[in-house]
Amino acid sequence: VKLEESGGGVVQAGGSLRLSCMASGFSYTDLALSWYRQSPGKERELVASITAPEETIRYADPVKGRFTISRDKDKNTVYLQMNNLAPEGTAGYFCQLRLWSLGSSTFWGRGNQVTVSS
């Protein structure tokens, strides 16, 4: 299983970024794709998740109304559109794949840095 992330960078407060994560190396369709973030000295926290095939979506309270998670099932890619970014959003953002058919096996991407300047 491989997770390839892209889209991080530096943006001013109030700006937008879109993260992408392409998952490959498996054929299961019963899964969850999530974005987590981790700032220095803090624990990794869930930002948003989407399940397949149900397309159930969850957001962490701090990002509701500003971030949107979506999935292209044909490309096995999950996106995180981040709008109105705040300096508190500065963190490493990590893609996670969970495969329910494999005993909830969990796989992580290498992470993308997002820096929001004030």
Protein backbone atom coordinates (compact mmCIF):
# COMPACT_ATOMS: atom_id res chain seq x y z
CA VAL A 1 0.00 0.00 0.00
CA LYS A 2 1.31 3.43 -0.90
CA LEU A 3 0.03 6.90 -0.07
CA GLU A 4 1.37 9.82 -2.12
CA GLU A 5 0.61 13.26 -0.74
CA SER A 6 1.00 16.63 -2.38
CA GLY A 7 -0.14 20.22 -2.06
CA GLY A 8 1.46 21.60 1.08
CA GLY A 9 3.22 24.94 1.20
CA VAL A 10 3.26 28.40 2.68
CA VAL A 11 0.21 30.64 2.62
CA GLN A 12 -0.86 33.85 4.31
CA ALA A 13 -3.61 33.85 6.89
CA GLY A 14 -6.97 33.84 5.14
CA GLY A 15 -5.58 32.01 2.15
CA SER A 16 -6.35 28.55 0.76
CA LEU A 17 -4.52 25.35 -0.02
CA ARG A 18 -5.60 21.97 -1.35
CA LEU A 19 -3.93 18.76 -0.26
CA SER A 20 -4.12 15.56 -2.28
CA CYS A 21 -3.41 11.97 -1.32
CA MET A 22 -3.41 9.18 -3.87
CA ALA A 23 -3.71 5.67 -2.46
CA SER A 24 -2.50 2.63 -4.39
CA GLY A 25 -1.48 -0.99 -3.97
CA PHE A 26 -4.78 -2.46 -2.81
CA SER A 27 -8.15 -3.44 -4.23
CA TYR A 28 -10.43 -3.20 -1.22
CA THR A 29 -13.35 -0.82 -1.47
CA ASP A 30 -14.46 -0.79 2.18
CA LEU A 31 -12.20 1.85 3.70
CA ALA A 32 -11.73 5.22 5.34
CA LEU A 33 -9.44 7.99 4.18
CA SER A 34 -8.52 10.68 6.68
CA TRP A 35 -6.38 13.74 7.14
CA TYR A 36 -4.54 14.28 10.41
CA ARG A 37 -2.25 17.12 11.44
CA GLN A 38 0.50 17.47 13.96
CA SER A 39 2.21 20.59 15.25
CA PRO A 40 5.54 20.54 17.13
CA GLY A 41 5.01 19.41 20.71
CA LYS A 42 1.42 18.37 20.10
CA GLU A 43 -0.29 15.07 19.45
CA ARG A 44 -1.48 14.14 16.00
CA GLU A 45 -5.14 15.06 15.65
CA LEU A 46 -7.88 14.13 13.22
CA VAL A 47 -8.85 16.90 10.82
CA ALA A 48 -11.37 15.17 8.54
CA SER A 49 -12.33 11.72 7.32
CA ILE A 50 -14.43 10.13 4.61
CA THR A 51 -15.55 6.53 4.33
CA ALA A 52 -16.19 4.34 1.33
CA PRO A 53 -18.52 3.29 -0.01
CA GLU A 54 -20.85 5.16 2.37
CA GLU A 55 -19.17 8.57 1.87
CA THR A 56 -19.71 9.40 5.54
CA ILE A 57 -17.78 12.57 6.38
CA ARG A 58 -16.51 13.88 9.71
CA TYR A 59 -14.73 17.11 10.58
CA ALA A 60 -12.91 18.26 13.66
CA ASP A 61 -14.68 21.22 15.24
CA PRO A 62 -11.88 23.75 14.57
CA VAL A 63 -12.09 23.24 10.80
CA LYS A 64 -15.84 22.93 10.27
CA GLY A 65 -17.07 25.39 7.69
CA ARG A 66 -13.55 26.08 6.37
CA PHE A 67 -12.17 22.69 5.26
CA THR A 68 -13.75 20.26 2.82
CA ILE A 69 -12.76 16.63 2.35
CA SER A 70 -13.67 14.85 -0.86
CA ARG A 71 -12.79 11.66 -2.70
CA ASP A 72 -12.31 10.71 -6.33
CA LYS A 73 -13.03 6.99 -6.23
CA ASP A 74 -11.79 6.39 -9.77
CA LYS A 75 -8.38 7.87 -8.91
CA ASN A 76 -8.37 6.51 -5.33
CA THR A 77 -7.50 10.03 -4.26
CA VAL A 78 -8.68 12.05 -1.30
CA TYR A 79 -8.51 15.84 -1.19
CA LEU A 80 -8.57 18.38 1.58
CA GLN A 81 -9.58 21.86 0.51
CA MET A 82 -8.54 24.29 3.22
CA ASN A 83 -9.99 27.80 3.10
CA ASN A 84 -9.57 30.79 5.40
CA LEU A 85 -6.45 29.28 6.91
CA ALA A 86 -5.27 30.57 10.27
CA PRO A 87 -1.76 30.48 11.78
CA GLU A 88 -2.98 27.76 14.16
CA GLY A 89 -3.31 25.56 11.08
CA THR A 90 0.45 25.42 10.68
CA ALA A 91 1.32 21.74 10.97
CA GLY A 92 2.40 18.63 9.18
CA TYR A 93 -0.65 17.16 7.48
CA PHE A 94 -0.79 13.39 7.11
CA CYS A 95 -3.01 11.16 5.02
CA GLN A 96 -4.28 7.96 6.61
CA LEU A 97 -5.87 4.94 4.98
CA ARG A 98 -7.76 2.40 7.02
CA LEU A 99 -8.84 -0.85 5.38
CA TRP A 100 -11.74 -2.45 7.21
CA SER A 101 -11.42 -5.71 5.26
CA LEU A 102 -7.85 -6.11 6.55
CA GLY A 103 -8.73 -5.95 10.21
CA SER A 104 -8.70 -2.15 10.19
CA SER A 105 -5.08 -2.07 9.04
CA THR A 106 -3.83 1.49 9.03
CA PHE A 107 -1.39 3.11 6.62
CA TRP A 108 0.14 6.59 6.73
CA GLY A 109 1.56 8.97 4.20
CA ARG A 110 4.83 10.77 4.85
CA GLY A 111 3.14 14.10 5.50
CA ASN A 112 3.09 17.53 3.95
CA GLN A 113 4.02 20.73 5.73
CA VAL A 114 1.49 23.55 5.74
CA THR A 115 2.69 26.89 7.07
CA VAL A 116 0.27 29.77 7.58
CA SER A 117 1.90 33.14 8.11
CA SER A 118 0.14 35.93 9.97
